[in-house]
Amino acid sequence: EMPLDEIARLEKLEGAELNDAKKILATEVTTLCHGRDAADQA
């Protein structure tokens, strides 16, 4: 559910910063499917 402008910023990142963007992706997708607590715990 992330805003499009924030996504546009994150997808331009490179290296270690892009890895941080992948963690954000994983947490947001997992939140929708399993809840915020389970996502944060993962």
PDB file of all heavy atoms in Angstrom:
ATOM      1  N   GLU A   1       0.835  -1.210   0.000  1.00  0.00           N
ATOM      2  CA  GLU A   1       0.000   0.000   0.000  1.00  0.00           C
ATOM      3  C   GLU A   1       0.862   1.250   0.000  1.00  0.00           C
ATOM      4  O   GLU A   1       0.364   2.347   0.233  1.00  0.00           O
ATOM      5  CB  GLU A   1      -0.899   0.007   1.247  1.00  0.00           C
ATOM      6  CG  GLU A   1      -1.688  -1.258   1.449  1.00  0.00           C
ATOM      7  CD  GLU A   1      -3.001  -1.288   0.680  1.00  0.00           C
ATOM      8  OE1 GLU A   1      -2.983  -1.080  -0.556  1.00  0.00           O
ATOM      9  OE2 GLU A   1      -4.032  -1.519   1.310  1.00  0.00           O
ATOM     10  N   MET A   2       2.139   1.096  -0.256  1.00  0.00           N
ATOM     11  CA  MET A   2       3.065   2.222  -0.184  1.00  0.00           C
ATOM     12  C   MET A   2       2.734   3.275  -1.247  1.00  0.00           C
ATOM     13  O   MET A   2       2.348   2.935  -2.370  1.00  0.00           O
ATOM     14  CB  MET A   2       4.506   1.727  -0.357  1.00  0.00           C
ATOM     15  CG  MET A   2       4.972   0.791   0.734  1.00  0.00           C
ATOM     16  SD  MET A   2       6.563   0.009   0.355  1.00  0.00           S
ATOM     17  CE  MET A   2       7.616   1.470   0.256  1.00  0.00           C
ATOM     18  N   PRO A   3       2.926   4.565  -0.931  1.00  0.00           N
ATOM     19  CA  PRO A   3       2.678   5.627  -1.920  1.00  0.00           C
ATOM     20  C   PRO A   3       3.613   5.488  -3.123  1.00  0.00           C
ATOM     21  O   PRO A   3       4.771   5.081  -2.981  1.00  0.00           O
ATOM     22  CB  PRO A   3       2.973   6.911  -1.137  1.00  0.00           C
ATOM     23  CG  PRO A   3       2.890   6.532   0.304  1.00  0.00           C
ATOM     24  CD  PRO A   3       3.313   5.103   0.383  1.00  0.00           C
ATOM     25  N   LEU A   4       3.121   5.860  -4.281  1.00  0.00           N
ATOM     26  CA  LEU A   4       3.900   5.692  -5.506  1.00  0.00           C
ATOM     27  C   LEU A   4       5.168   6.533  -5.508  1.00  0.00           C
ATOM     28  O   LEU A   4       6.200   6.096  -6.039  1.00  0.00           O
ATOM     29  CB  LEU A   4       3.032   6.034  -6.718  1.00  0.00           C
ATOM     30  CG  LEU A   4       1.872   5.066  -7.003  1.00  0.00           C
ATOM     31  CD1 LEU A   4       1.015   5.578  -8.150  1.00  0.00           C
ATOM     32  CD2 LEU A   4       2.389   3.670  -7.311  1.00  0.00           C
ATOM     33  N   ASP A   5       5.121   7.737  -4.930  1.00  0.00           N
ATOM     34  CA  ASP A   5       6.325   8.576  -4.928  1.00  0.00           C
ATOM     35  C   ASP A   5       7.421   7.979  -4.040  1.00  0.00           C
ATOM     36  O   ASP A   5       8.614   8.070  -4.358  1.00  0.00           O
ATOM     37  CB  ASP A   5       6.009  10.012  -4.506  1.00  0.00           C
ATOM     38  CG  ASP A   5       5.303  10.102  -3.155  1.00  0.00           C
ATOM     39  OD1 ASP A   5       4.914   9.055  -2.591  1.00  0.00           O
ATOM     40  OD2 ASP A   5       5.131  11.236  -2.654  1.00  0.00           O
ATOM     41  N   GLU A   6       7.016   7.330  -2.935  1.00  0.00           N
ATOM     42  CA  GLU A   6       7.993   6.675  -2.069  1.00  0.00           C
ATOM     43  C   GLU A   6       8.597   5.458  -2.773  1.00  0.00           C
ATOM     44  O   GLU A   6       9.802   5.192  -2.678  1.00  0.00           O
ATOM     45  CB  GLU A   6       7.325   6.248  -0.760  1.00  0.00           C
ATOM     46  CG  GLU A   6       8.203   5.451   0.201  1.00  0.00           C
ATOM     47  CD  GLU A   6       9.380   6.244   0.766  1.00  0.00           C
ATOM     48  OE1 GLU A   6       9.490   7.462   0.472  1.00  0.00           O
ATOM     49  OE2 GLU A   6      10.181   5.642   1.507  1.00  0.00           O
ATOM     50  N   ILE A   7       7.772   4.722  -3.511  1.00  0.00           N
ATOM     51  CA  ILE A   7       8.273   3.580  -4.269  1.00  0.00           C
ATOM     52  C   ILE A   7       9.266   4.039  -5.329  1.00  0.00           C
ATOM     53  O   ILE A   7      10.317   3.422  -5.524  1.00  0.00           O
ATOM     54  CB  ILE A   7       7.099   2.817  -4.917  1.00  0.00           C
ATOM     55  CG1 ILE A   7       6.221   2.183  -3.838  1.00  0.00           C
ATOM     56  CG2 ILE A   7       7.615   1.741  -5.872  1.00  0.00           C
ATOM     57  CD1 ILE A   7       4.937   1.564  -4.372  1.00  0.00           C
ATOM     58  N   ALA A   8       8.941   5.137  -6.009  1.00  0.00           N
ATOM     59  CA  ALA A   8       9.832   5.669  -7.045  1.00  0.00           C
ATOM     60  C   ALA A   8      11.189   6.034  -6.460  1.00  0.00           C
ATOM     61  O   ALA A   8      12.232   5.833  -7.100  1.00  0.00           O
ATOM     62  CB  ALA A   8       9.192   6.886  -7.705  1.00  0.00           C
ATOM     63  N   ARG A   9      11.195   6.551  -5.238  1.00  0.00           N
ATOM     64  CA  ARG A   9      12.459   6.894  -4.588  1.00  0.00           C
ATOM     65  C   ARG A   9      13.259   5.645  -4.229  1.00  0.00           C
ATOM     66  O   ARG A   9      14.462   5.562  -4.490  1.00  0.00           O
ATOM     67  CB  ARG A   9      12.187   7.718  -3.327  1.00  0.00           C
ATOM     68  CG  ARG A   9      13.449   8.169  -2.594  1.00  0.00           C
ATOM     69  CD  ARG A   9      13.119   8.833  -1.267  1.00  0.00           C
ATOM     70  NE  ARG A   9      12.647   7.888  -0.267  1.00  0.00           N
ATOM     71  CZ  ARG A   9      13.453   7.108   0.461  1.00  0.00           C
ATOM     72  NH1 ARG A   9      14.773   7.137   0.287  1.00  0.00           N
ATOM     73  NH2 ARG A   9      12.942   6.298   1.357  1.00  0.00           N
ATOM     74  N   LEU A  10      12.574   4.664  -3.670  1.00  0.00           N
ATOM     75  CA  LEU A  10      13.268   3.464  -3.198  1.00  0.00           C
ATOM     76  C   LEU A  10      13.831   2.623  -4.337  1.00  0.00           C
ATOM     77  O   LEU A  10      14.913   2.045  -4.217  1.00  0.00           O
ATOM     78  CB  LEU A  10      12.310   2.617  -2.350  1.00  0.00           C
ATOM     79  CG  LEU A  10      11.931   3.194  -0.982  1.00  0.00           C
ATOM     80  CD1 LEU A  10      10.810   2.377  -0.344  1.00  0.00           C
ATOM     81  CD2 LEU A  10      13.139   3.257  -0.052  1.00  0.00           C
ATOM     82  N   GLU A  11      13.115   2.545  -5.458  1.00  0.00           N
ATOM     83  CA  GLU A  11      13.590   1.669  -6.534  1.00  0.00           C
ATOM     84  C   GLU A  11      14.813   2.225  -7.255  1.00  0.00           C
ATOM     85  O   GLU A  11      15.445   1.524  -8.037  1.00  0.00           O
ATOM     86  CB  GLU A  11      12.472   1.377  -7.526  1.00  0.00           C
ATOM     87  CG  GLU A  11      12.004   2.522  -8.349  1.00  0.00           C
ATOM     88  CD  GLU A  11      10.874   2.122  -9.301  1.00  0.00           C
ATOM     89  OE1 GLU A  11      10.821   0.946  -9.717  1.00  0.00           O
ATOM     90  OE2 GLU A  11      10.041   2.993  -9.625  1.00  0.00           O
ATOM     91  N   LYS A  12      15.162   3.473  -6.980  1.00  0.00           N
ATOM     92  CA  LYS A  12      16.355   4.072  -7.582  1.00  0.00           C
ATOM     93  C   LYS A  12      17.612   3.800  -6.755  1.00  0.00           C
ATOM     94  O   LYS A  12      18.726   4.087  -7.202  1.00  0.00           O
ATOM     95  CB  LYS A  12      16.163   5.585  -7.727  1.00  0.00           C
ATOM     96  CG  LYS A  12      15.092   5.979  -8.725  1.00  0.00           C
ATOM     97  CD  LYS A  12      14.897   7.484  -8.752  1.00  0.00           C
ATOM     98  CE  LYS A  12      13.766   7.882  -9.698  1.00  0.00           C
ATOM     99  NZ  LYS A  12      13.515   9.356  -9.657  1.00  0.00           N
ATOM    100  N   LEU A  13      17.438   3.274  -5.551  1.00  0.00           N
ATOM    101  CA  LEU A  13      18.577   3.036  -4.674  1.00  0.00           C
ATOM    102  C   LEU A  13      19.463   1.917  -5.219  1.00  0.00           C
ATOM    103  O   LEU A  13      19.030   1.094  -6.015  1.00  0.00           O
ATOM    104  CB  LEU A  13      18.094   2.673  -3.267  1.00  0.00           C
ATOM    105  CG  LEU A  13      17.237   3.730  -2.550  1.00  0.00           C
ATOM    106  CD1 LEU A  13      16.754   3.203  -1.209  1.00  0.00           C
ATOM    107  CD2 LEU A  13      18.015   5.030  -2.366  1.00  0.00           C
ATOM    108  N   GLU A  14      20.688   1.896  -4.751  1.00  0.00           N
ATOM    109  CA  GLU A  14      21.629   0.877  -5.201  1.00  0.00           C
ATOM    110  C   GLU A  14      22.378   0.295  -4.008  1.00  0.00           C
ATOM    111  O   GLU A  14      22.408   0.873  -2.926  1.00  0.00           O
ATOM    112  CB  GLU A  14      22.635   1.480  -6.199  1.00  0.00           C
ATOM    113  CG  GLU A  14      22.008   2.003  -7.481  1.00  0.00           C
ATOM    114  CD  GLU A  14      23.034   2.612  -8.422  1.00  0.00           C
ATOM    115  OE1 GLU A  14      24.198   2.755  -8.017  1.00  0.00           O
ATOM    116  OE2 GLU A  14      22.661   2.956  -9.565  1.00  0.00           O
ATOM    117  N   GLY A  15      22.998  -0.856  -4.236  1.00  0.00           N
ATOM    118  CA  GLY A  15      23.861  -1.474  -3.228  1.00  0.00           C
ATOM    119  C   GLY A  15      23.154  -1.782  -1.934  1.00  0.00           C
ATOM    120  O   GLY A  15      22.031  -2.310  -1.913  1.00  0.00           O
ATOM    121  N   ALA A  16      23.786  -1.421  -0.819  1.00  0.00           N
ATOM    122  CA  ALA A  16      23.247  -1.721   0.505  1.00  0.00           C
ATOM    123  C   ALA A  16      21.904  -1.028   0.730  1.00  0.00           C
ATOM    124  O   ALA A  16      21.022  -1.563   1.415  1.00  0.00           O
ATOM    125  CB  ALA A  16      24.242  -1.303   1.584  1.00  0.00           C
ATOM    126  N   GLU A  17      21.735   0.169   0.152  1.00  0.00           N
ATOM    127  CA  GLU A  17      20.466   0.883   0.320  1.00  0.00           C
ATOM    128  C   GLU A  17      19.324   0.151  -0.372  1.00  0.00           C
ATOM    129  O   GLU A  17      18.192   0.145   0.114  1.00  0.00           O
ATOM    130  CB  GLU A  17      20.600   2.306  -0.224  1.00  0.00           C
ATOM    131  CG  GLU A  17      21.486   3.218   0.626  1.00  0.00           C
ATOM    132  CD  GLU A  17      21.501   4.625   0.096  1.00  0.00           C
ATOM    133  OE1 GLU A  17      21.404   4.795  -1.141  1.00  0.00           O
ATOM    134  OE2 GLU A  17      21.601   5.568   0.913  1.00  0.00           O
ATOM    135  N   LEU A  18      19.608  -0.481  -1.524  1.00  0.00           N
ATOM    136  CA  LEU A  18      18.576  -1.257  -2.203  1.00  0.00           C
ATOM    137  C   LEU A  18      18.199  -2.484  -1.375  1.00  0.00           C
ATOM    138  O   LEU A  18      17.033  -2.897  -1.352  1.00  0.00           O
ATOM    139  CB  LEU A  18      19.049  -1.684  -3.590  1.00  0.00           C
ATOM    140  CG  LEU A  18      18.014  -2.433  -4.447  1.00  0.00           C
ATOM    141  CD1 LEU A  18      16.758  -1.592  -4.649  1.00  0.00           C
ATOM    142  CD2 LEU A  18      18.605  -2.830  -5.788  1.00  0.00           C
ATOM    143  N   ASN A  19      19.173  -3.056  -0.671  1.00  0.00           N
ATOM    144  CA  ASN A  19      18.866  -4.171   0.229  1.00  0.00           C
ATOM    145  C   ASN A  19      17.913  -3.732   1.334  1.00  0.00           C
ATOM    146  O   ASN A  19      17.039  -4.497   1.753  1.00  0.00           O
ATOM    147  CB  ASN A  19      20.147  -4.745   0.828  1.00  0.00           C
ATOM    148  CG  ASN A  19      20.916  -5.596  -0.158  1.00  0.00           C
ATOM    149  OD1 ASN A  19      20.329  -6.180  -1.071  1.00  0.00           O
ATOM    150  ND2 ASN A  19      22.224  -5.664  -0.007  1.00  0.00           N
ATOM    151  N   ASP A  20      18.080  -2.499   1.809  1.00  0.00           N
ATOM    152  CA  ASP A  20      17.151  -1.967   2.808  1.00  0.00           C
ATOM    153  C   ASP A  20      15.749  -1.824   2.216  1.00  0.00           C
ATOM    154  O   ASP A  20      14.746  -2.063   2.902  1.00  0.00           O
ATOM    155  CB  ASP A  20      17.641  -0.614   3.322  1.00  0.00           C
ATOM    156  CG  ASP A  20      18.877  -0.736   4.205  1.00  0.00           C
ATOM    157  OD1 ASP A  20      19.089  -1.828   4.773  1.00  0.00           O
ATOM    158  OD2 ASP A  20      19.635   0.252   4.316  1.00  0.00           O
ATOM    159  N   ALA A  21      15.680  -1.443   0.939  1.00  0.00           N
ATOM    160  CA  ALA A  21      14.380  -1.334   0.267  1.00  0.00           C
ATOM    161  C   ALA A  21      13.708  -2.699   0.161  1.00  0.00           C
ATOM    162  O   ALA A  21      12.488  -2.825   0.301  1.00  0.00           O
ATOM    163  CB  ALA A  21      14.558  -0.721  -1.120  1.00  0.00           C
ATOM    164  N   LYS A  22      14.513  -3.743  -0.061  1.00  0.00           N
ATOM    165  CA  LYS A  22      13.961  -5.104  -0.123  1.00  0.00           C
ATOM    166  C   LYS A  22      13.381  -5.514   1.231  1.00  0.00           C
ATOM    167  O   LYS A  22      12.361  -6.219   1.294  1.00  0.00           O
ATOM    168  CB  LYS A  22      15.036  -6.095  -0.556  1.00  0.00           C
ATOM    169  CG  LYS A  22      15.503  -5.923  -1.994  1.00  0.00           C
ATOM    170  CD  LYS A  22      16.568  -6.957  -2.341  1.00  0.00           C
ATOM    171  CE  LYS A  22      17.102  -6.761  -3.737  1.00  0.00           C
ATOM    172  NZ  LYS A  22      18.131  -7.764  -4.091  1.00  0.00           N
ATOM    173  N   LYS A  23      14.021  -5.084   2.306  1.00  0.00           N
ATOM    174  CA  LYS A  23      13.498  -5.396   3.641  1.00  0.00           C
ATOM    175  C   LYS A  23      12.153  -4.695   3.862  1.00  0.00           C
ATOM    176  O   LYS A  23      11.240  -5.259   4.475  1.00  0.00           O
ATOM    177  CB  LYS A  23      14.502  -4.973   4.710  1.00  0.00           C
ATOM    178  CG  LYS A  23      15.809  -5.742   4.673  1.00  0.00           C
ATOM    179  CD  LYS A  23      16.815  -5.151   5.650  1.00  0.00           C
ATOM    180  CE  LYS A  23      18.195  -5.771   5.469  1.00  0.00           C
ATOM    181  NZ  LYS A  23      19.205  -5.126   6.324  1.00  0.00           N
ATOM    182  N   ILE A  24      12.059  -3.460   3.373  1.00  0.00           N
ATOM    183  CA  ILE A  24      10.787  -2.731   3.479  1.00  0.00           C
ATOM    184  C   ILE A  24       9.708  -3.465   2.684  1.00  0.00           C
ATOM    185  O   ILE A  24       8.579  -3.660   3.165  1.00  0.00           O
ATOM    186  CB  ILE A  24      10.955  -1.285   2.974  1.00  0.00           C
ATOM    187  CG1 ILE A  24      11.903  -0.506   3.892  1.00  0.00           C
ATOM    188  CG2 ILE A  24       9.593  -0.596   2.880  1.00  0.00           C
ATOM    189  CD1 ILE A  24      12.282   0.868   3.364  1.00  0.00           C
ATOM    190  N   LEU A  25      10.041  -3.887   1.459  1.00  0.00           N
ATOM    191  CA  LEU A  25       9.103  -4.659   0.640  1.00  0.00           C
ATOM    192  C   LEU A  25       8.640  -5.901   1.389  1.00  0.00           C
ATOM    193  O   LEU A  25       7.431  -6.174   1.483  1.00  0.00           O
ATOM    194  CB  LEU A  25       9.772  -5.058  -0.673  1.00  0.00           C
ATOM    195  CG  LEU A  25       9.050  -6.130  -1.515  1.00  0.00           C
ATOM    196  CD1 LEU A  25       7.723  -5.601  -2.041  1.00  0.00           C
ATOM    197  CD2 LEU A  25       9.943  -6.595  -2.668  1.00  0.00           C
ATOM    198  N   ALA A  26       9.592  -6.665   1.918  1.00  0.00           N
ATOM    199  CA  ALA A  26       9.264  -7.912   2.609  1.00  0.00           C
ATOM    200  C   ALA A  26       8.353  -7.662   3.805  1.00  0.00           C
ATOM    201  O   ALA A  26       7.382  -8.395   4.038  1.00  0.00           O
ATOM    202  CB  ALA A  26      10.551  -8.609   3.049  1.00  0.00           C
ATOM    203  N   THR A  27       8.649  -6.616   4.568  1.00  0.00           N
ATOM    204  CA  THR A  27       7.858  -6.320   5.765  1.00  0.00           C
ATOM    205  C   THR A  27       6.451  -5.867   5.407  1.00  0.00           C
ATOM    206  O   THR A  27       5.470  -6.283   6.040  1.00  0.00           O
ATOM    207  CB  THR A  27       8.565  -5.253   6.619  1.00  0.00           C
ATOM    208  OG1 THR A  27       9.854  -5.756   7.028  1.00  0.00           O
ATOM    209  CG2 THR A  27       7.759  -4.917   7.863  1.00  0.00           C
ATOM    210  N   GLU A  28       6.323  -5.037   4.381  1.00  0.00           N
ATOM    211  CA  GLU A  28       5.007  -4.538   3.988  1.00  0.00           C
ATOM    212  C   GLU A  28       4.135  -5.656   3.406  1.00  0.00           C
ATOM    213  O   GLU A  28       2.939  -5.744   3.703  1.00  0.00           O
ATOM    214  CB  GLU A  28       5.152  -3.394   2.973  1.00  0.00           C
ATOM    215  CG  GLU A  28       5.775  -2.130   3.554  1.00  0.00           C
ATOM    216  CD  GLU A  28       5.003  -1.578   4.731  1.00  0.00           C
ATOM    217  OE1 GLU A  28       3.763  -1.494   4.647  1.00  0.00           O
ATOM    218  OE2 GLU A  28       5.627  -1.250   5.755  1.00  0.00           O
ATOM    219  N   VAL A  29       4.720  -6.514   2.566  1.00  0.00           N
ATOM    220  CA  VAL A  29       3.946  -7.616   1.985  1.00  0.00           C
ATOM    221  C   VAL A  29       3.536  -8.606   3.074  1.00  0.00           C
ATOM    222  O   VAL A  29       2.400  -9.095   3.102  1.00  0.00           O
ATOM    223  CB  VAL A  29       4.756  -8.333   0.880  1.00  0.00           C
ATOM    224  CG1 VAL A  29       3.981  -9.537   0.343  1.00  0.00           C
ATOM    225  CG2 VAL A  29       5.061  -7.383  -0.263  1.00  0.00           C
ATOM    226  N   THR A  30       4.455  -8.902   3.987  1.00  0.00           N
ATOM    227  CA  THR A  30       4.162  -9.842   5.072  1.00  0.00           C
ATOM    228  C   THR A  30       3.121  -9.271   6.029  1.00  0.00           C
ATOM    229  O   THR A  30       2.288 -10.013   6.577  1.00  0.00           O
ATOM    230  CB  THR A  30       5.447 -10.208   5.831  1.00  0.00           C
ATOM    231  OG1 THR A  30       6.425 -10.697   4.904  1.00  0.00           O
ATOM    232  CG2 THR A  30       5.194 -11.276   6.879  1.00  0.00           C
ATOM    233  N   THR A  31       3.129  -7.960   6.223  1.00  0.00           N
ATOM    234  CA  THR A  31       2.132  -7.323   7.089  1.00  0.00           C
ATOM    235  C   THR A  31       0.725  -7.564   6.572  1.00  0.00           C
ATOM    236  O   THR A  31      -0.192  -7.895   7.344  1.00  0.00           O
ATOM    237  CB  THR A  31       2.396  -5.808   7.191  1.00  0.00           C
ATOM    238  OG1 THR A  31       3.648  -5.590   7.866  1.00  0.00           O
ATOM    239  CG2 THR A  31       1.293  -5.104   7.963  1.00  0.00           C
ATOM    240  N   LEU A  32       0.513  -7.410   5.267  1.00  0.00           N
ATOM    241  CA  LEU A  32      -0.817  -7.625   4.704  1.00  0.00           C
ATOM    242  C   LEU A  32      -1.272  -9.074   4.880  1.00  0.00           C
ATOM    243  O   LEU A  32      -2.440  -9.343   5.150  1.00  0.00           O
ATOM    244  CB  LEU A  32      -0.827  -7.258   3.217  1.00  0.00           C
ATOM    245  CG  LEU A  32      -0.814  -5.766   2.886  1.00  0.00           C
ATOM    246  CD1 LEU A  32      -0.704  -5.557   1.381  1.00  0.00           C
ATOM    247  CD2 LEU A  32      -2.060  -5.076   3.421  1.00  0.00           C
ATOM    248  N   CYS A  33      -0.350 -10.005   4.741  1.00  0.00           N
ATOM    249  CA  CYS A  33      -0.712 -11.424   4.774  1.00  0.00           C
ATOM    250  C   CYS A  33      -0.768 -11.997   6.189  1.00  0.00           C
ATOM    251  O   CYS A  33      -1.633 -12.823   6.488  1.00  0.00           O
ATOM    252  CB  CYS A  33       0.289 -12.225   3.933  1.00  0.00           C
ATOM    253  SG  CYS A  33      -0.195 -13.935   3.633  1.00  0.00           S
ATOM    254  N   HIS A  34       0.128 -11.545   7.068  1.00  0.00           N
ATOM    255  CA  HIS A  34       0.242 -12.172   8.395  1.00  0.00           C
ATOM    256  C   HIS A  34       0.117 -11.199   9.564  1.00  0.00           C
ATOM    257  O   HIS A  34       0.135 -11.636  10.717  1.00  0.00           O
ATOM    258  CB  HIS A  34       1.585 -12.911   8.498  1.00  0.00           C
ATOM    259  CG  HIS A  34       1.737 -14.042   7.536  1.00  0.00           C
ATOM    260  ND1 HIS A  34       0.956 -15.170   7.586  1.00  0.00           N
ATOM    261  CD2 HIS A  34       2.566 -14.220   6.474  1.00  0.00           C
ATOM    262  CE1 HIS A  34       1.300 -16.001   6.616  1.00  0.00           C
ATOM    263  NE2 HIS A  34       2.260 -15.438   5.922  1.00  0.00           N
ATOM    264  N   GLY A  35      -0.002  -9.908   9.286  1.00  0.00           N
ATOM    265  CA  GLY A  35      -0.118  -8.925  10.359  1.00  0.00           C
ATOM    266  C   GLY A  35       1.210  -8.252  10.660  1.00  0.00           C
ATOM    267  O   GLY A  35       2.282  -8.806  10.417  1.00  0.00           O
ATOM    268  N   ARG A  36       1.131  -7.044  11.221  1.00  0.00           N
ATOM    269  CA  ARG A  36       2.341  -6.253  11.481  1.00  0.00           C
ATOM    270  C   ARG A  36       3.254  -6.922  12.494  1.00  0.00           C
ATOM    271  O   ARG A  36       4.476  -6.920  12.331  1.00  0.00           O
ATOM    272  CB  ARG A  36       1.931  -4.859  11.963  1.00  0.00           C
ATOM    273  CG  ARG A  36       3.092  -3.958  12.388  1.00  0.00           C
ATOM    274  CD  ARG A  36       4.068  -3.675  11.262  1.00  0.00           C
ATOM    275  NE  ARG A  36       3.484  -2.854  10.222  1.00  0.00           N
ATOM    276  CZ  ARG A  36       4.158  -2.445   9.142  1.00  0.00           C
ATOM    277  NH1 ARG A  36       5.429  -2.799   8.978  1.00  0.00           N
ATOM    278  NH2 ARG A  36       3.575  -1.720   8.219  1.00  0.00           N
ATOM    279  N   ASP A  37       2.701  -7.510  13.546  1.00  0.00           N
ATOM    280  CA  ASP A  37       3.556  -8.126  14.566  1.00  0.00           C
ATOM    281  C   ASP A  37       4.387  -9.262  13.973  1.00  0.00           C
ATOM    282  O   ASP A  37       5.592  -9.364  14.235  1.00  0.00           O
ATOM    283  CB  ASP A  37       2.705  -8.661  15.723  1.00  0.00           C
ATOM    284  CG  ASP A  37       2.116  -7.544  16.575  1.00  0.00           C
ATOM    285  OD1 ASP A  37       2.568  -6.392  16.435  1.00  0.00           O
ATOM    286  OD2 ASP A  37       1.204  -7.825  17.374  1.00  0.00           O
ATOM    287  N   ALA A  38       3.758 -10.122  13.182  1.00  0.00           N
ATOM    288  CA  ALA A  38       4.481 -11.244  12.571  1.00  0.00           C
ATOM    289  C   ALA A  38       5.529 -10.748  11.592  1.00  0.00           C
ATOM    290  O   ALA A  38       6.635 -11.308  11.500  1.00  0.00           O
ATOM    291  CB  ALA A  38       3.505 -12.179  11.866  1.00  0.00           C
ATOM    292  N   ALA A  39       5.214  -9.680  10.861  1.00  0.00           N
ATOM    293  CA  ALA A  39       6.171  -9.124   9.899  1.00  0.00           C
ATOM    294  C   ALA A  39       7.381  -8.530  10.612  1.00  0.00           C
ATOM    295  O   ALA A  39       8.533  -8.756  10.209  1.00  0.00           O
ATOM    296  CB  ALA A  39       5.484  -8.066   9.038  1.00  0.00           C
ATOM    297  N   ASP A  40       7.123  -7.765  11.667  1.00  0.00           N
ATOM    298  CA  ASP A  40       8.229  -7.166  12.416  1.00  0.00           C
ATOM    299  C   ASP A  40       9.087  -8.243  13.084  1.00  0.00           C
ATOM    300  O   ASP A  40      10.315  -8.132  13.146  1.00  0.00           O
ATOM    301  CB  ASP A  40       7.696  -6.196  13.472  1.00  0.00           C
ATOM    302  CG  ASP A  40       7.130  -4.918  12.858  1.00  0.00           C
ATOM    303  OD1 ASP A  40       7.443  -4.636  11.680  1.00  0.00           O
ATOM    304  OD2 ASP A  40       6.381  -4.208  13.559  1.00  0.00           O
ATOM    305  N   GLN A  41       8.439  -9.285  13.578  1.00  0.00           N
ATOM    306  CA  GLN A  41       9.172 -10.375  14.207  1.00  0.00           C
ATOM    307  C   GLN A  41      10.050 -11.095  13.186  1.00  0.00           C
ATOM    308  O   GLN A  41      11.207 -11.438  13.473  1.00  0.00           O
ATOM    309  CB  GLN A  41       8.200 -11.357  14.845  1.00  0.00           C
ATOM    310  CG  GLN A  41       8.874 -12.451  15.676  1.00  0.00           C
ATOM    311  CD  GLN A  41       7.861 -13.355  16.355  1.00  0.00           C
ATOM    312  OE1 GLN A  41       6.980 -13.920  15.716  1.00  0.00           O
ATOM    313  NE2 GLN A  41       7.959 -13.491  17.670  1.00  0.00           N
ATOM    314  N   ALA A  42       9.531 -11.303  11.983  1.00  0.00           N
ATOM    315  CA  ALA A  42      10.317 -11.940  10.926  1.00  0.00           C
ATOM    316  C   ALA A  42      11.513 -11.082  10.548  1.00  0.00           C
ATOM    317  O   ALA A  42      12.629 -11.591  10.358  1.00  0.00           O
ATOM    318  CB  ALA A  42       9.431 -12.184   9.705  1.00  0.00           C
TER     319      ALA A  42
END
